[in-house]
Amino acid sequence: MKKIALYAFCLFFAAAGVGHFLLDSFFILAMPEWVPFRPAIVYISGIMEILLALGLFLKQTRERAGMLISIFLVLVFPVNIYMALTPENFDLSPAALWIRLPLQLVLIWWVLKVRK
């Protein structure tokens, strides 16, 4: 069961990284306009998510990648807060944007469990 949870997280996180390229306009809007270099940040974070998912998948880098993913999820949390506070910018219900906030904690818990 733990292997399934690990592979599911790797797939989910890699897909999120690919999403930064396929849905780049959405991710750019997810950041306040005053943030400089928003497109570059979106693409770099997408690459990071893909590489971290690969690192989590590989046994020799799993523990370190899991820690880095948890740190990454904490660092991007302000973006989720911004999205919840500006629902008019997104084609999602305000409730969905607020539900994403505690789900970030679930993702952190999940990756910390599967990294060992």
N, C-alpha and C. Protein backbone atom coordinates (compact mmCIF):
# COMPACT_ATOMS: atom_id res chain seq x y z
N MET A 1 0.82 -1.20 0.00
CA MET A 1 0.00 0.00 0.00
C MET A 1 0.86 1.27 0.00
N LYS A 2 1.99 1.21 0.74
CA LYS A 2 2.87 2.37 0.81
C LYS A 2 3.48 2.68 -0.56
N LYS A 3 3.82 1.63 -1.31
CA LYS A 3 4.36 1.83 -2.66
C LYS A 3 3.33 2.51 -3.56
N ILE A 4 2.08 2.12 -3.44
CA ILE A 4 1.02 2.74 -4.24
C ILE A 4 0.90 4.21 -3.88
N ALA A 5 0.93 4.52 -2.59
CA ALA A 5 0.85 5.91 -2.13
C ALA A 5 2.04 6.71 -2.64
N LEU A 6 3.22 6.09 -2.63
CA LEU A 6 4.43 6.75 -3.13
C LEU A 6 4.30 7.05 -4.62
N TYR A 7 3.95 6.03 -5.40
CA TYR A 7 3.86 6.22 -6.85
C TYR A 7 2.74 7.19 -7.21
N ALA A 8 1.66 7.14 -6.46
CA ALA A 8 0.56 8.07 -6.71
C ALA A 8 0.99 9.51 -6.47
N PHE A 9 1.74 9.73 -5.40
CA PHE A 9 2.22 11.09 -5.11
C PHE A 9 3.19 11.53 -6.20
N CYS A 10 4.11 10.66 -6.60
CA CYS A 10 5.06 11.00 -7.66
C CYS A 10 4.33 11.40 -8.94
N LEU A 11 3.35 10.62 -9.31
CA LEU A 11 2.57 10.91 -10.51
C LEU A 11 1.82 12.23 -10.37
N PHE A 12 1.19 12.43 -9.23
CA PHE A 12 0.45 13.66 -8.97
C PHE A 12 1.37 14.87 -9.05
N PHE A 13 2.53 14.80 -8.41
CA PHE A 13 3.43 15.95 -8.36
C PHE A 13 4.06 16.22 -9.72
N ALA A 14 4.40 15.17 -10.45
CA ALA A 14 4.93 15.35 -11.81
C ALA A 14 3.87 15.95 -12.72
N ALA A 15 2.63 15.48 -12.60
CA ALA A 15 1.54 16.04 -13.41
C ALA A 15 1.31 17.51 -13.09
N ALA A 16 1.44 17.87 -11.82
CA ALA A 16 1.32 19.28 -11.44
C ALA A 16 2.43 20.09 -12.10
N GLY A 17 3.62 19.53 -12.16
CA GLY A 17 4.74 20.20 -12.82
C GLY A 17 4.48 20.40 -14.31
N VAL A 18 3.99 19.37 -14.97
CA VAL A 18 3.65 19.48 -16.39
C VAL A 18 2.55 20.52 -16.59
N GLY A 19 1.63 20.59 -15.64
CA GLY A 19 0.55 21.57 -15.71
C GLY A 19 1.05 23.00 -15.77
N HIS A 20 2.22 23.25 -15.20
CA HIS A 20 2.79 24.60 -15.25
C HIS A 20 3.10 25.03 -16.68
N PHE A 21 3.28 24.06 -17.56
CA PHE A 21 3.57 24.35 -18.97
C PHE A 21 2.29 24.34 -19.80
N LEU A 22 1.38 23.45 -19.48
CA LEU A 22 0.14 23.35 -20.26
C LEU A 22 -0.88 24.42 -19.87
N LEU A 23 -0.87 24.82 -18.62
CA LEU A 23 -1.82 25.81 -18.10
C LEU A 23 -1.07 27.01 -17.52
N ASP A 24 -0.03 27.43 -18.20
CA ASP A 24 0.83 28.47 -17.66
C ASP A 24 0.09 29.77 -17.35
N SER A 25 -0.91 30.12 -18.15
CA SER A 25 -1.64 31.37 -17.89
C SER A 25 -2.38 31.30 -16.55
N PHE A 26 -2.91 30.13 -16.19
CA PHE A 26 -3.57 29.95 -14.90
C PHE A 26 -2.58 30.15 -13.75
N PHE A 27 -1.42 29.54 -13.88
CA PHE A 27 -0.42 29.63 -12.81
C PHE A 27 0.16 31.04 -12.70
N ILE A 28 0.27 31.73 -13.82
CA ILE A 28 0.75 33.12 -13.78
C ILE A 28 -0.26 33.99 -13.05
N LEU A 29 -1.56 33.79 -13.32
CA LEU A 29 -2.61 34.54 -12.62
C LEU A 29 -2.67 34.22 -11.13
N ALA A 30 -2.15 33.07 -10.76
CA ALA A 30 -2.21 32.66 -9.36
C ALA A 30 -1.30 33.49 -8.46
N MET A 31 -0.42 34.26 -9.08
CA MET A 31 0.49 35.11 -8.31
C MET A 31 0.07 36.57 -8.44
N PRO A 32 0.27 37.33 -7.38
CA PRO A 32 -0.05 38.77 -7.47
C PRO A 32 0.76 39.44 -8.59
N GLU A 33 0.17 40.47 -9.18
CA GLU A 33 0.83 41.16 -10.28
C GLU A 33 2.16 41.81 -9.89
N TRP A 34 2.31 42.14 -8.62
CA TRP A 34 3.55 42.79 -8.20
C TRP A 34 4.74 41.83 -8.13
N VAL A 35 4.49 40.54 -8.25
CA VAL A 35 5.59 39.56 -8.23
C VAL A 35 6.32 39.66 -9.57
N PRO A 36 7.63 39.91 -9.55
CA PRO A 36 8.36 40.02 -10.82
C PRO A 36 8.61 38.64 -11.45
N PHE A 37 8.77 38.64 -12.74
CA PHE A 37 9.16 37.44 -13.50
C PHE A 37 8.19 36.27 -13.30
N ARG A 38 6.90 36.57 -13.24
CA ARG A 38 5.91 35.51 -12.99
C ARG A 38 6.00 34.35 -13.99
N PRO A 39 6.08 34.60 -15.30
CA PRO A 39 6.20 33.44 -16.21
C PRO A 39 7.43 32.59 -15.92
N ALA A 40 8.56 33.22 -15.67
CA ALA A 40 9.77 32.45 -15.37
C ALA A 40 9.59 31.62 -14.10
N ILE A 41 8.97 32.21 -13.09
CA ILE A 41 8.73 31.49 -11.83
C ILE A 41 7.84 30.28 -12.08
N VAL A 42 6.83 30.45 -12.91
CA VAL A 42 5.92 29.33 -13.22
C VAL A 42 6.68 28.20 -13.89
N TYR A 43 7.49 28.52 -14.89
CA TYR A 43 8.22 27.46 -15.60
C TYR A 43 9.29 26.81 -14.73
N ILE A 44 10.00 27.62 -13.95
CA ILE A 44 11.03 27.06 -13.06
C ILE A 44 10.40 26.17 -12.00
N SER A 45 9.27 26.61 -11.43
CA SER A 45 8.63 25.77 -10.41
C SER A 45 8.06 24.49 -11.04
N GLY A 46 7.62 24.56 -12.29
CA GLY A 46 7.16 23.35 -12.98
C GLY A 46 8.29 22.36 -13.16
N ILE A 47 9.45 22.86 -13.58
CA ILE A 47 10.63 21.99 -13.72
C ILE A 47 11.01 21.40 -12.37
N MET A 48 10.98 22.23 -11.33
CA MET A 48 11.31 21.74 -9.99
C MET A 48 10.36 20.62 -9.55
N GLU A 49 9.08 20.79 -9.81
CA GLU A 49 8.11 19.77 -9.41
C GLU A 49 8.37 18.45 -10.14
N ILE A 50 8.67 18.53 -11.41
CA ILE A 50 8.96 17.31 -12.17
C ILE A 50 10.22 16.64 -11.65
N LEU A 51 11.28 17.42 -11.42
CA LEU A 51 12.54 16.85 -10.92
C LEU A 51 12.39 16.30 -9.50
N LEU A 52 11.64 17.00 -8.66
CA LEU A 52 11.43 16.50 -7.30
C LEU A 52 10.60 15.22 -7.30
N ALA A 53 9.62 15.14 -8.20
CA ALA A 53 8.83 13.90 -8.31
C ALA A 53 9.73 12.74 -8.73
N LEU A 54 10.63 13.00 -9.66
CA LEU A 54 11.58 11.97 -10.07
C LEU A 54 12.50 11.59 -8.91
N GLY A 55 12.96 12.59 -8.16
CA GLY A 55 13.80 12.32 -6.99
C GLY A 55 13.09 11.50 -5.94
N LEU A 56 11.80 11.74 -5.76
CA LEU A 56 11.02 10.97 -4.80
C LEU A 56 10.83 9.53 -5.29
N PHE A 57 10.71 9.37 -6.59
CA PHE A 57 10.53 8.04 -7.18
C PHE A 57 11.77 7.17 -7.00
N LEU A 58 12.96 7.78 -7.08
CA LEU A 58 14.21 7.03 -6.99
C LEU A 58 14.57 6.79 -5.52
N LYS A 59 14.84 5.54 -5.21
CA LYS A 59 15.09 5.15 -3.82
C LYS A 59 16.27 5.90 -3.20
N GLN A 60 17.34 6.11 -3.96
CA GLN A 60 18.54 6.73 -3.39
C GLN A 60 18.36 8.21 -3.08
N THR A 61 17.37 8.87 -3.66
CA THR A 61 17.14 10.30 -3.40
C THR A 61 15.78 10.56 -2.75
N ARG A 62 15.07 9.52 -2.41
CA ARG A 62 13.69 9.64 -1.93
C ARG A 62 13.56 10.50 -0.67
N GLU A 63 14.37 10.22 0.32
CA GLU A 63 14.23 10.94 1.60
C GLU A 63 14.49 12.44 1.42
N ARG A 64 15.57 12.78 0.73
CA ARG A 64 15.90 14.19 0.52
C ARG A 64 14.84 14.88 -0.35
N ALA A 65 14.41 14.21 -1.40
CA ALA A 65 13.39 14.80 -2.28
C ALA A 65 12.09 15.02 -1.51
N GLY A 66 11.73 14.09 -0.64
CA GLY A 66 10.51 14.24 0.16
C GLY A 66 10.58 15.47 1.06
N MET A 67 11.74 15.67 1.67
CA MET A 67 11.91 16.87 2.51
C MET A 67 11.84 18.14 1.66
N LEU A 68 12.48 18.13 0.50
CA LEU A 68 12.46 19.30 -0.37
C LEU A 68 11.04 19.59 -0.89
N ILE A 69 10.29 18.55 -1.18
CA ILE A 69 8.90 18.75 -1.63
C ILE A 69 8.09 19.38 -0.51
N SER A 70 8.27 18.90 0.72
CA SER A 70 7.49 19.47 1.83
C SER A 70 7.85 20.95 2.02
N ILE A 71 9.12 21.29 1.88
CA ILE A 71 9.54 22.70 1.98
C ILE A 71 8.94 23.50 0.82
N PHE A 72 8.99 22.94 -0.37
CA PHE A 72 8.42 23.59 -1.55
C PHE A 72 6.93 23.88 -1.33
N LEU A 73 6.20 22.91 -0.79
CA LEU A 73 4.76 23.10 -0.56
C LEU A 73 4.49 24.20 0.46
N VAL A 74 5.35 24.33 1.44
CA VAL A 74 5.21 25.43 2.41
C VAL A 74 5.49 26.76 1.71
N LEU A 75 6.50 26.80 0.86
CA LEU A 75 6.88 28.05 0.19
C LEU A 75 5.82 28.54 -0.80
N VAL A 76 5.09 27.62 -1.43
CA VAL A 76 4.07 28.05 -2.40
C VAL A 76 2.71 28.27 -1.74
N PHE A 77 2.61 28.00 -0.46
CA PHE A 77 1.34 28.17 0.25
C PHE A 77 0.78 29.59 0.14
N PRO A 78 1.60 30.64 0.18
CA PRO A 78 1.05 31.99 0.02
C PRO A 78 0.31 32.20 -1.31
N VAL A 79 0.70 31.48 -2.34
CA VAL A 79 -0.02 31.57 -3.61
C VAL A 79 -1.45 31.05 -3.43
N ASN A 80 -1.59 29.96 -2.70
CA ASN A 80 -2.93 29.42 -2.46
C ASN A 80 -3.77 30.39 -1.63
N ILE A 81 -3.15 31.05 -0.69
CA ILE A 81 -3.87 32.06 0.10
C ILE A 81 -4.32 33.20 -0.80
N TYR A 82 -3.42 33.68 -1.66
CA TYR A 82 -3.76 34.76 -2.60
C TYR A 82 -4.93 34.34 -3.48
N MET A 83 -4.91 33.12 -3.97
CA MET A 83 -6.00 32.65 -4.82
C MET A 83 -7.32 32.63 -4.06
N ALA A 84 -7.29 32.17 -2.82
CA ALA A 84 -8.52 32.13 -2.02
C ALA A 84 -9.06 33.53 -1.76
N LEU A 85 -8.16 34.49 -1.63
CA LEU A 85 -8.59 35.87 -1.35
C LEU A 85 -9.01 36.64 -2.60
N THR A 86 -8.69 36.11 -3.78
CA THR A 86 -9.06 36.77 -5.04
C THR A 86 -9.79 35.80 -5.97
N PRO A 87 -10.93 35.27 -5.54
CA PRO A 87 -11.62 34.27 -6.36
C PRO A 87 -12.11 34.80 -7.70
N GLU A 88 -12.27 36.12 -7.81
CA GLU A 88 -12.75 36.71 -9.06
C GLU A 88 -11.75 36.51 -10.20
N ASN A 89 -10.51 36.19 -9.88
CA ASN A 89 -9.48 35.98 -10.91
C ASN A 89 -9.50 34.58 -11.51
N PHE A 90 -10.32 33.69 -10.96
CA PHE A 90 -10.25 32.29 -11.34
C PHE A 90 -11.62 31.73 -11.70
N ASP A 91 -11.60 30.76 -12.56
CA ASP A 91 -12.83 30.10 -12.98
C ASP A 91 -13.11 28.89 -12.08
N LEU A 92 -12.99 29.13 -10.78
CA LEU A 92 -13.24 28.11 -9.77
C LEU A 92 -14.12 28.72 -8.70
N SER A 93 -14.86 27.88 -8.02
CA SER A 93 -15.70 28.41 -6.95
C SER A 93 -14.82 28.89 -5.80
N PRO A 94 -15.26 29.93 -5.10
CA PRO A 94 -14.51 30.37 -3.91
C PRO A 94 -14.31 29.24 -2.91
N ALA A 95 -15.32 28.38 -2.75
CA ALA A 95 -15.19 27.27 -1.81
C ALA A 95 -14.04 26.34 -2.20
N ALA A 96 -13.91 26.07 -3.49
CA ALA A 96 -12.83 25.20 -3.96
C ALA A 96 -11.47 25.82 -3.66
N LEU A 97 -11.39 27.13 -3.80
CA LEU A 97 -10.12 27.81 -3.53
C LEU A 97 -9.77 27.76 -2.04
N TRP A 98 -10.79 27.84 -1.18
CA TRP A 98 -10.53 27.76 0.27
C TRP A 98 -10.23 26.33 0.70
N ILE A 99 -10.85 25.35 0.05
CA ILE A 99 -10.61 23.94 0.38
C ILE A 99 -9.17 23.54 0.06
N ARG A 100 -8.59 24.20 -0.95
CA ARG A 100 -7.20 23.90 -1.31
C ARG A 100 -6.23 24.17 -0.17
N LEU A 101 -6.56 25.10 0.72
CA LEU A 101 -5.63 25.46 1.79
C LEU A 101 -5.34 24.28 2.73
N PRO A 102 -6.35 23.64 3.32
CA PRO A 102 -6.02 22.49 4.18
C PRO A 102 -5.51 21.29 3.38
N LEU A 103 -5.85 21.22 2.10
CA LEU A 103 -5.33 20.11 1.29
C LEU A 103 -3.81 20.20 1.14
N GLN A 104 -3.28 21.40 1.20
CA GLN A 104 -1.82 21.56 1.15
C GLN A 104 -1.17 20.85 2.34
N LEU A 105 -1.82 20.93 3.49
CA LEU A 105 -1.30 20.21 4.68
C LEU A 105 -1.36 18.70 4.47
N VAL A 106 -2.40 18.23 3.82
CA VAL A 106 -2.52 16.80 3.51
C VAL A 106 -1.37 16.37 2.59
N LEU A 107 -1.07 17.20 1.60
CA LEU A 107 0.04 16.86 0.68
C LEU A 107 1.37 16.80 1.43
N ILE A 108 1.58 17.73 2.33
CA ILE A 108 2.82 17.72 3.11
C ILE A 108 2.90 16.46 3.97
N TRP A 109 1.81 16.13 4.64
CA TRP A 109 1.77 14.90 5.44
C TRP A 109 2.04 13.68 4.56
N TRP A 110 1.38 13.64 3.40
CA TRP A 110 1.50 12.51 2.47
C TRP A 110 2.96 12.31 2.05
N VAL A 111 3.61 13.37 1.60
CA VAL A 111 4.99 13.21 1.11
C VAL A 111 5.93 12.86 2.25
N LEU A 112 5.69 13.37 3.43
CA LEU A 112 6.57 13.01 4.56
C LEU A 112 6.40 11.54 4.94
N LYS A 113 5.21 10.99 4.74
CA LYS A 113 4.98 9.57 5.03
C LYS A 113 5.65 8.66 4.00
N VAL A 114 5.56 9.02 2.73
CA VAL A 114 6.06 8.12 1.69
C VAL A 114 7.56 8.25 1.42
N ARG A 115 8.20 9.28 1.97
CA ARG A 115 9.62 9.50 1.69
C ARG A 115 10.52 8.50 2.41
N LYS A 116 10.01 7.81 3.44
CA LYS A 116 10.84 6.89 4.23
C LYS A 116 10.81 5.48 3.68
